[in-house]
Amino acid sequence: MVSKEIKVINAEGLHMRPASALAAAMGKYGCNVSIEHNQTSVNAKSVMHLMAACIKCGAEIRIVCDGPDEEEALKAAVSMFEAGFGEK
């Protein structure tokens, strides 16, 4: 299991477009990918779970990956968040 804490930087937070992009990207990996926010863990491969988490700009989250390709999945997820999903 690998994880990383990161701050959400895109102005609108994790709304529908970035949630869809993240879920689609993480769906390509065989490992489990979750986002921890406000003492809750949600499946990062599910758009509905990501939307329900109400992750706003400035939120501190932890990305957790557990499985065979966890390092690659974590790197991809962190990269997406750090790029602000192209919305900086």
PDB file of N, CA and C in Angstrom:
ATOM      1  N   MET A   1       0.847  -1.185   0.000  1.00  0.00           N
ATOM      2  CA  MET A   1       0.000   0.000   0.000  1.00  0.00           C
ATOM      3  C   MET A   1       0.885   1.238   0.000  1.00  0.00           C
ATOM      4  N   VAL A   2       0.527   2.200  -0.862  1.00  0.00           N
ATOM      5  CA  VAL A   2       1.235   3.472  -0.919  1.00  0.00           C
ATOM      6  C   VAL A   2       0.203   4.590  -0.832  1.00  0.00           C
ATOM      7  N   SER A   3       0.635   5.735  -0.304  1.00  0.00           N
ATOM      8  CA  SER A   3      -0.295   6.858  -0.205  1.00  0.00           C
ATOM      9  C   SER A   3       0.474   8.171  -0.237  1.00  0.00           C
ATOM     10  N   LYS A   4      -0.268   9.231  -0.498  1.00  0.00           N
ATOM     11  CA  LYS A   4       0.332  10.554  -0.500  1.00  0.00           C
ATOM     12  C   LYS A   4      -0.740  11.571  -0.141  1.00  0.00           C
ATOM     13  N   GLU A   5      -0.345  12.530   0.709  1.00  0.00           N
ATOM     14  CA  GLU A   5      -1.239  13.644   1.036  1.00  0.00           C
ATOM     15  C   GLU A   5      -1.009  14.747   0.028  1.00  0.00           C
ATOM     16  N   ILE A   6      -2.095  15.373  -0.397  1.00  0.00           N
ATOM     17  CA  ILE A   6      -2.008  16.424  -1.406  1.00  0.00           C
ATOM     18  C   ILE A   6      -3.145  17.424  -1.176  1.00  0.00           C
ATOM     19  N   LYS A   7      -2.943  18.628  -1.660  1.00  0.00           N
ATOM     20  CA  LYS A   7      -3.948  19.677  -1.538  1.00  0.00           C
ATOM     21  C   LYS A   7      -4.625  19.875  -2.892  1.00  0.00           C
ATOM     22  N   VAL A   8      -5.947  19.985  -2.877  1.00  0.00           N
ATOM     23  CA  VAL A   8      -6.709  20.210  -4.106  1.00  0.00           C
ATOM     24  C   VAL A   8      -6.535  21.679  -4.493  1.00  0.00           C
ATOM     25  N   ILE A   9      -6.037  21.914  -5.721  1.00  0.00           N
ATOM     26  CA  ILE A   9      -5.724  23.292  -6.121  1.00  0.00           C
ATOM     27  C   ILE A   9      -6.658  23.877  -7.168  1.00  0.00           C
ATOM     28  N   ASN A  10      -7.431  23.038  -7.872  1.00  0.00           N
ATOM     29  CA  ASN A  10      -8.301  23.638  -8.880  1.00  0.00           C
ATOM     30  C   ASN A  10      -9.465  24.360  -8.205  1.00  0.00           C
ATOM     31  N   ALA A  11      -9.810  25.512  -8.743  1.00  0.00           N
ATOM     32  CA  ALA A  11     -10.747  26.452  -8.110  1.00  0.00           C
ATOM     33  C   ALA A  11     -12.112  25.857  -7.794  1.00  0.00           C
ATOM     34  N   GLU A  12     -12.587  24.967  -8.610  1.00  0.00           N
ATOM     35  CA  GLU A  12     -13.923  24.397  -8.403  1.00  0.00           C
ATOM     36  C   GLU A  12     -13.904  23.103  -7.594  1.00  0.00           C
ATOM     37  N   GLY A  13     -12.738  22.699  -7.143  1.00  0.00           N
ATOM     38  CA  GLY A  13     -12.651  21.449  -6.393  1.00  0.00           C
ATOM     39  C   GLY A  13     -12.856  20.251  -7.305  1.00  0.00           C
ATOM     40  N   LEU A  14     -13.291  19.148  -6.738  1.00  0.00           N
ATOM     41  CA  LEU A  14     -13.464  17.910  -7.502  1.00  0.00           C
ATOM     42  C   LEU A  14     -14.913  17.821  -7.988  1.00  0.00           C
ATOM     43  N   HIS A  15     -15.251  18.639  -8.983  1.00  0.00           N
ATOM     44  CA  HIS A  15     -16.598  18.627  -9.558  1.00  0.00           C
ATOM     45  C   HIS A  15     -16.674  17.560 -10.646  1.00  0.00           C
ATOM     46  N   MET A  16     -17.736  17.552 -11.423  1.00  0.00           N
ATOM     47  CA  MET A  16     -18.013  16.447 -12.347  1.00  0.00           C
ATOM     48  C   MET A  16     -16.884  16.164 -13.358  1.00  0.00           C
ATOM     49  N   ARG A  17     -16.343  17.175 -14.003  1.00  0.00           N
ATOM     50  CA  ARG A  17     -15.330  16.922 -15.029  1.00  0.00           C
ATOM     51  C   ARG A  17     -14.071  16.284 -14.446  1.00  0.00           C
ATOM     52  N   PRO A  18     -13.456  16.865 -13.409  1.00  0.00           N
ATOM     53  CA  PRO A  18     -12.257  16.207 -12.874  1.00  0.00           C
ATOM     54  C   PRO A  18     -12.569  14.869 -12.197  1.00  0.00           C
ATOM     55  N   ALA A  19     -13.740  14.749 -11.583  1.00  0.00           N
ATOM     56  CA  ALA A  19     -14.105  13.466 -10.964  1.00  0.00           C
ATOM     57  C   ALA A  19     -14.222  12.386 -12.035  1.00  0.00           C
ATOM     58  N   SER A  20     -14.811  12.731 -13.174  1.00  0.00           N
ATOM     59  CA  SER A  20     -14.932  11.778 -14.279  1.00  0.00           C
ATOM     60  C   SER A  20     -13.562  11.406 -14.834  1.00  0.00           C
ATOM     61  N   ALA A  21     -12.700  12.405 -14.993  1.00  0.00           N
ATOM     62  CA  ALA A  21     -11.354  12.156 -15.510  1.00  0.00           C
ATOM     63  C   ALA A  21     -10.559  11.261 -14.560  1.00  0.00           C
ATOM     64  N   LEU A  22     -10.665  11.543 -13.260  1.00  0.00           N
ATOM     65  CA  LEU A  22      -9.936  10.743 -12.271  1.00  0.00           C
ATOM     66  C   LEU A  22     -10.452   9.310 -12.249  1.00  0.00           C
ATOM     67  N   ALA A  23     -11.769   9.131 -12.223  1.00  0.00           N
ATOM     68  CA  ALA A  23     -12.344   7.784 -12.188  1.00  0.00           C
ATOM     69  C   ALA A  23     -11.948   6.985 -13.429  1.00  0.00           C
ATOM     70  N   ALA A  24     -11.980   7.624 -14.590  1.00  0.00           N
ATOM     71  CA  ALA A  24     -11.609   6.937 -15.828  1.00  0.00           C
ATOM     72  C   ALA A  24     -10.135   6.539 -15.806  1.00  0.00           C
ATOM     73  N   ALA A  25      -9.286   7.442 -15.359  1.00  0.00           N
ATOM     74  CA  ALA A  25      -7.850   7.157 -15.304  1.00  0.00           C
ATOM     75  C   ALA A  25      -7.540   6.046 -14.302  1.00  0.00           C
ATOM     76  N   MET A  26      -8.171   6.083 -13.143  1.00  0.00           N
ATOM     77  CA  MET A  26      -7.887   5.085 -12.114  1.00  0.00           C
ATOM     78  C   MET A  26      -8.490   3.724 -12.465  1.00  0.00           C
ATOM     79  N   GLY A  27      -9.535   3.723 -13.286  1.00  0.00           N
ATOM     80  CA  GLY A  27     -10.155   2.473 -13.712  1.00  0.00           C
ATOM     81  C   GLY A  27      -9.229   1.600 -14.547  1.00  0.00           C
ATOM     82  N   LYS A  28      -8.173   2.177 -15.069  1.00  0.00           N
ATOM     83  CA  LYS A  28      -7.220   1.437 -15.895  1.00  0.00           C
ATOM     84  C   LYS A  28      -6.238   0.615 -15.057  1.00  0.00           C
ATOM     85  N   TYR A  29      -6.236   0.835 -13.748  1.00  0.00           N
ATOM     86  CA  TYR A  29      -5.298   0.143 -12.870  1.00  0.00           C
ATOM     87  C   TYR A  29      -5.989  -0.999 -12.125  1.00  0.00           C
ATOM     88  N   GLY A  30      -5.245  -2.034 -11.867  1.00  0.00           N
ATOM     89  CA  GLY A  30      -5.790  -3.195 -11.175  1.00  0.00           C
ATOM     90  C   GLY A  30      -5.866  -3.031  -9.667  1.00  0.00           C
ATOM     91  N   CYS A  31      -5.160  -2.072  -9.130  1.00  0.00           N
ATOM     92  CA  CYS A  31      -5.145  -1.878  -7.681  1.00  0.00           C
ATOM     93  C   CYS A  31      -6.395  -1.119  -7.212  1.00  0.00           C
ATOM     94  N   ASN A  32      -6.629  -1.155  -5.919  1.00  0.00           N
ATOM     95  CA  ASN A  32      -7.690  -0.348  -5.317  1.00  0.00           C
ATOM     96  C   ASN A  32      -7.145   1.062  -5.145  1.00  0.00           C
ATOM     97  N   VAL A  33      -7.962   2.064  -5.475  1.00  0.00           N
ATOM     98  CA  VAL A  33      -7.567   3.456  -5.326  1.00  0.00           C
ATOM     99  C   VAL A  33      -8.667   4.163  -4.556  1.00  0.00           C
ATOM    100  N   SER A  34      -8.283   4.821  -3.466  1.00  0.00           N
ATOM    101  CA  SER A  34      -9.273   5.552  -2.683  1.00  0.00           C
ATOM    102  C   SER A  34      -8.751   6.942  -2.327  1.00  0.00           C
ATOM    103  N   ILE A  35      -9.697   7.808  -2.035  1.00  0.00           N
ATOM    104  CA  ILE A  35      -9.403   9.170  -1.607  1.00  0.00           C
ATOM    105  C   ILE A  35      -9.947   9.315  -0.189  1.00  0.00           C
ATOM    106  N   GLU A  36      -9.091   9.712   0.729  1.00  0.00           N
ATOM    107  CA  GLU A  36      -9.509   9.948   2.110  1.00  0.00           C
ATOM    108  C   GLU A  36      -9.649  11.447   2.322  1.00  0.00           C
ATOM    109  N   HIS A  37     -10.823  11.840   2.835  1.00  0.00           N
ATOM    110  CA  HIS A  37     -11.141  13.256   3.053  1.00  0.00           C
ATOM    111  C   HIS A  37     -12.160  13.339   4.179  1.00  0.00           C
ATOM    112  N   ASN A  38     -11.898  14.193   5.168  1.00  0.00           N
ATOM    113  CA  ASN A  38     -12.818  14.374   6.308  1.00  0.00           C
ATOM    114  C   ASN A  38     -13.196  13.049   6.969  1.00  0.00           C
ATOM    115  N   GLN A  39     -12.232  12.249   7.319  1.00  0.00           N
ATOM    116  CA  GLN A  39     -12.408  10.958   7.981  1.00  0.00           C
ATOM    117  C   GLN A  39     -13.273   9.978   7.184  1.00  0.00           C
ATOM    118  N   THR A  40     -13.352  10.179   5.874  1.00  0.00           N
ATOM    119  CA  THR A  40     -14.113   9.294   5.002  1.00  0.00           C
ATOM    120  C   THR A  40     -13.209   8.822   3.879  1.00  0.00           C
ATOM    121  N   SER A  41     -13.401   7.593   3.450  1.00  0.00           N
ATOM    122  CA  SER A  41     -12.651   7.044   2.331  1.00  0.00           C
ATOM    123  C   SER A  41     -13.637   6.700   1.223  1.00  0.00           C
ATOM    124  N   VAL A  42     -13.348   7.178  -0.001  1.00  0.00           N
ATOM    125  CA  VAL A  42     -14.224   6.890  -1.133  1.00  0.00           C
ATOM    126  C   VAL A  42     -13.437   6.221  -2.249  1.00  0.00           C
ATOM    127  N   ASN A  43     -14.120   5.432  -3.037  1.00  0.00           N
ATOM    128  CA  ASN A  43     -13.537   4.729  -4.164  1.00  0.00           C
ATOM    129  C   ASN A  43     -13.240   5.736  -5.274  1.00  0.00           C
ATOM    130  N   ALA A  44     -11.977   5.885  -5.644  1.00  0.00           N
ATOM    131  CA  ALA A  44     -11.583   6.856  -6.670  1.00  0.00           C
ATOM    132  C   ALA A  44     -11.903   6.378  -8.083  1.00  0.00           C
ATOM    133  N   LYS A  45     -12.424   5.171  -8.215  1.00  0.00           N
ATOM    134  CA  LYS A  45     -12.823   4.666  -9.530  1.00  0.00           C
ATOM    135  C   LYS A  45     -14.311   4.906  -9.775  1.00  0.00           C
ATOM    136  N   SER A  46     -14.994   5.525  -8.818  1.00  0.00           N
ATOM    137  CA  SER A  46     -16.426   5.781  -8.914  1.00  0.00           C
ATOM    138  C   SER A  46     -16.708   7.287  -8.952  1.00  0.00           C
ATOM    139  N   VAL A  47     -17.256   7.757 -10.067  1.00  0.00           N
ATOM    140  CA  VAL A  47     -17.590   9.181 -10.192  1.00  0.00           C
ATOM    141  C   VAL A  47     -18.581   9.578  -9.101  1.00  0.00           C
ATOM    142  N   MET A  48     -19.568   8.745  -8.854  1.00  0.00           N
ATOM    143  CA  MET A  48     -20.599   9.076  -7.861  1.00  0.00           C
ATOM    144  C   MET A  48     -20.002   9.189  -6.459  1.00  0.00           C
ATOM    145  N   HIS A  49     -19.096   8.293  -6.101  1.00  0.00           N
ATOM    146  CA  HIS A  49     -18.464   8.364  -4.785  1.00  0.00           C
ATOM    147  C   HIS A  49     -17.602   9.622  -4.668  1.00  0.00           C
ATOM    148  N   LEU A  50     -16.880   9.943  -5.738  1.00  0.00           N
ATOM    149  CA  LEU A  50     -16.039  11.145  -5.719  1.00  0.00           C
ATOM    150  C   LEU A  50     -16.889  12.404  -5.580  1.00  0.00           C
ATOM    151  N   MET A  51     -17.994  12.468  -6.292  1.00  0.00           N
ATOM    152  CA  MET A  51     -18.886  13.631  -6.214  1.00  0.00           C
ATOM    153  C   MET A  51     -19.505  13.745  -4.813  1.00  0.00           C
ATOM    154  N   ALA A  52     -19.883  12.612  -4.249  1.00  0.00           N
ATOM    155  CA  ALA A  52     -20.509  12.602  -2.926  1.00  0.00           C
ATOM    156  C   ALA A  52     -19.554  13.062  -1.827  1.00  0.00           C
ATOM    157  N   ALA A  53     -18.254  12.962  -2.078  1.00  0.00           N
ATOM    158  CA  ALA A  53     -17.269  13.368  -1.070  1.00  0.00           C
ATOM    159  C   ALA A  53     -17.196  14.883  -0.891  1.00  0.00           C
ATOM    160  N   CYS A  54     -17.722  15.652  -1.842  1.00  0.00           N
ATOM    161  CA  CYS A  54     -17.744  17.126  -1.768  1.00  0.00           C
ATOM    162  C   CYS A  54     -16.359  17.699  -1.473  1.00  0.00           C
ATOM    163  N   ILE A  55     -15.398  17.354  -2.293  1.00  0.00           N
ATOM    164  CA  ILE A  55     -14.021  17.811  -2.101  1.00  0.00           C
ATOM    165  C   ILE A  55     -13.849  19.176  -2.759  1.00  0.00           C
ATOM    166  N   LYS A  56     -13.612  20.185  -1.957  1.00  0.00           N
ATOM    167  CA  LYS A  56     -13.518  21.573  -2.412  1.00  0.00           C
ATOM    168  C   LYS A  56     -12.065  22.001  -2.617  1.00  0.00           C
ATOM    169  N   CYS A  57     -11.902  23.154  -3.254  1.00  0.00           N
ATOM    170  CA  CYS A  57     -10.580  23.746  -3.434  1.00  0.00           C
ATOM    171  C   CYS A  57      -9.941  23.984  -2.072  1.00  0.00           C
ATOM    172  N   GLY A  58      -8.680  23.621  -1.950  1.00  0.00           N
ATOM    173  CA  GLY A  58      -7.954  23.805  -0.701  1.00  0.00           C
ATOM    174  C   GLY A  58      -8.040  22.623   0.242  1.00  0.00           C
ATOM    175  N   ALA A  59      -8.869  21.639  -0.086  1.00  0.00           N
ATOM    176  CA  ALA A  59      -9.024  20.462   0.774  1.00  0.00           C
ATOM    177  C   ALA A  59      -7.729  19.656   0.804  1.00  0.00           C
ATOM    178  N   GLU A  60      -7.408  19.155   1.984  1.00  0.00           N
ATOM    179  CA  GLU A  60      -6.271  18.248   2.150  1.00  0.00           C
ATOM    180  C   GLU A  60      -6.813  16.833   2.051  1.00  0.00           C
ATOM    181  N   ILE A  61      -6.307  16.073   1.093  1.00  0.00           N
ATOM    182  CA  ILE A  61      -6.760  14.700   0.898  1.00  0.00           C
ATOM    183  C   ILE A  61      -5.572  13.753   0.935  1.00  0.00           C
ATOM    184  N   ARG A  62      -5.884  12.478   1.070  1.00  0.00           N
ATOM    185  CA  ARG A  62      -4.855  11.431   0.967  1.00  0.00           C
ATOM    186  C   ARG A  62      -5.309  10.468  -0.135  1.00  0.00           C
ATOM    187  N   ILE A  63      -4.413  10.237  -1.071  1.00  0.00           N
ATOM    188  CA  ILE A  63      -4.662   9.260  -2.131  1.00  0.00           C
ATOM    189  C   ILE A  63      -4.019   7.954  -1.676  1.00  0.00           C
ATOM    190  N   VAL A  64      -4.784   6.876  -1.655  1.00  0.00           N
ATOM    191  CA  VAL A  64      -4.285   5.582  -1.185  1.00  0.00           C
ATOM    192  C   VAL A  64      -4.468   4.552  -2.295  1.00  0.00           C
ATOM    193  N   CYS A  65      -3.387   3.868  -2.638  1.00  0.00           N
ATOM    194  CA  CYS A  65      -3.420   2.831  -3.666  1.00  0.00           C
ATOM    195  C   CYS A  65      -2.898   1.534  -3.065  1.00  0.00           C
ATOM    196  N   ASP A  66      -3.603   0.440  -3.339  1.00  0.00           N
ATOM    197  CA  ASP A  66      -3.224  -0.846  -2.762  1.00  0.00           C
ATOM    198  C   ASP A  66      -3.456  -1.947  -3.794  1.00  0.00           C
ATOM    199  N   GLY A  67      -2.369  -2.543  -4.267  1.00  0.00           N
ATOM    200  CA  GLY A  67      -2.503  -3.622  -5.230  1.00  0.00           C
ATOM    201  C   GLY A  67      -1.286  -3.737  -6.124  1.00  0.00           C
ATOM    202  N   PRO A  68      -1.426  -4.507  -7.195  1.00  0.00           N
ATOM    203  CA  PRO A  68      -0.273  -4.840  -8.031  1.00  0.00           C
ATOM    204  C   PRO A  68       0.411  -3.664  -8.723  1.00  0.00           C
ATOM    205  N   ASP A  69      -0.332  -2.669  -9.160  1.00  0.00           N
ATOM    206  CA  ASP A  69       0.269  -1.534  -9.867  1.00  0.00           C
ATOM    207  C   ASP A  69       0.069  -0.228  -9.095  1.00  0.00           C
ATOM    208  N   GLU A  70       0.156  -0.332  -7.785  1.00  0.00           N
ATOM    209  CA  GLU A  70      -0.136   0.801  -6.893  1.00  0.00           C
ATOM    210  C   GLU A  70       0.774   2.005  -7.115  1.00  0.00           C
ATOM    211  N   GLU A  71       2.049   1.780  -7.361  1.00  0.00           N
ATOM    212  CA  GLU A  71       2.983   2.899  -7.553  1.00  0.00           C
ATOM    213  C   GLU A  71       2.603   3.725  -8.777  1.00  0.00           C
ATOM    214  N   GLU A  72       2.282   3.035  -9.877  1.00  0.00           N
ATOM    215  CA  GLU A  72       1.905   3.721 -11.113  1.00  0.00           C
ATOM    216  C   GLU A  72       0.599   4.487 -10.943  1.00  0.00           C
ATOM    217  N   ALA A  73      -0.362   3.867 -10.270  1.00  0.00           N
ATOM    218  CA  ALA A  73      -1.663   4.517 -10.045  1.00  0.00           C
ATOM    219  C   ALA A  73      -1.502   5.764  -9.187  1.00  0.00           C
ATOM    220  N   LEU A  74      -0.703   5.667  -8.133  1.00  0.00           N
ATOM    221  CA  LEU A  74      -0.491   6.815  -7.253  1.00  0.00           C
ATOM    222  C   LEU A  74       0.185   7.945  -8.021  1.00  0.00           C
ATOM    223  N   LYS A  75       1.176   7.619  -8.800  1.00  0.00           N
ATOM    224  CA  LYS A  75       1.881   8.636  -9.590  1.00  0.00           C
ATOM    225  C   LYS A  75       0.909   9.341 -10.541  1.00  0.00           C
ATOM    226  N   ALA A  76       0.054   8.582 -11.204  1.00  0.00           N
ATOM    227  CA  ALA A  76      -0.911   9.159 -12.142  1.00  0.00           C
ATOM    228  C   ALA A  76      -1.921  10.053 -11.418  1.00  0.00           C
ATOM    229  N   ALA A  77      -2.440   9.598 -10.288  1.00  0.00           N
ATOM    230  CA  ALA A  77      -3.434  10.378  -9.542  1.00  0.00           C
ATOM    231  C   ALA A  77      -2.824  11.674  -9.011  1.00  0.00           C
ATOM    232  N   VAL A  78      -1.642  11.588  -8.440  1.00  0.00           N
ATOM    233  CA  VAL A  78      -0.966  12.775  -7.912  1.00  0.00           C
ATOM    234  C   VAL A  78      -0.717  13.772  -9.039  1.00  0.00           C
ATOM    235  N   SER A  79      -0.286  13.275 -10.177  1.00  0.00           N
ATOM    236  CA  SER A  79      -0.029  14.143 -11.324  1.00  0.00           C
ATOM    237  C   SER A  79      -1.289  14.898 -11.747  1.00  0.00           C
ATOM    238  N   MET A  80      -2.421  14.221 -11.750  1.00  0.00           N
ATOM    239  CA  MET A  80      -3.686  14.864 -12.126  1.00  0.00           C
ATOM    240  C   MET A  80      -4.062  15.964 -11.137  1.00  0.00           C
ATOM    241  N   PHE A  81      -3.933  15.681  -9.851  1.00  0.00           N
ATOM    242  CA  PHE A  81      -4.259  16.676  -8.835  1.00  0.00           C
ATOM    243  C   PHE A  81      -3.300  17.854  -8.900  1.00  0.00           C
ATOM    244  N   GLU A  82      -1.999  17.572  -9.056  1.00  0.00           N
ATOM    245  CA  GLU A  82      -1.005  18.648  -9.093  1.00  0.00           C
ATOM    246  C   GLU A  82      -1.190  19.557 -10.313  1.00  0.00           C
ATOM    247  N   ALA A  83      -1.716  18.998 -11.405  1.00  0.00           N
ATOM    248  CA  ALA A  83      -1.983  19.792 -12.614  1.00  0.00           C
ATOM    249  C   ALA A  83      -3.322  20.522 -12.521  1.00  0.00           C
ATOM    250  N   GLY A  84      -4.035  20.325 -11.410  1.00  0.00           N
ATOM    251  CA  GLY A  84      -5.337  20.978 -11.247  1.00  0.00           C
ATOM    252  C   GLY A  84      -6.342  20.508 -12.281  1.00  0.00           C
ATOM    253  N   PHE A  85      -6.148  19.306 -12.811  1.00  0.00           N
ATOM    254  CA  PHE A  85      -7.022  18.748 -13.836  1.00  0.00           C
ATOM    255  C   PHE A  85      -7.146  19.692 -15.023  1.00  0.00           C
ATOM    256  N   GLY A  86      -6.099  20.464 -15.276  1.00  0.00           N
ATOM    257  CA  GLY A  86      -6.081  21.399 -16.397  1.00  0.00           C
ATOM    258  C   GLY A  86      -6.919  22.649 -16.177  1.00  0.00           C
ATOM    259  N   GLU A  87      -7.298  22.913 -14.925  1.00  0.00           N
ATOM    260  CA  GLU A  87      -8.187  24.041 -14.625  1.00  0.00           C
ATOM    261  C   GLU A  87      -7.535  25.129 -13.799  1.00  0.00           C
ATOM    262  N   LYS A  88      -6.237  25.051 -13.526  1.00  0.00           N
ATOM    263  CA  LYS A  88      -5.572  26.012 -12.629  1.00  0.00           C
ATOM    264  C   LYS A  88      -5.945  27.443 -12.904  1.00  0.00           C
TER     265      LYS A  88
END
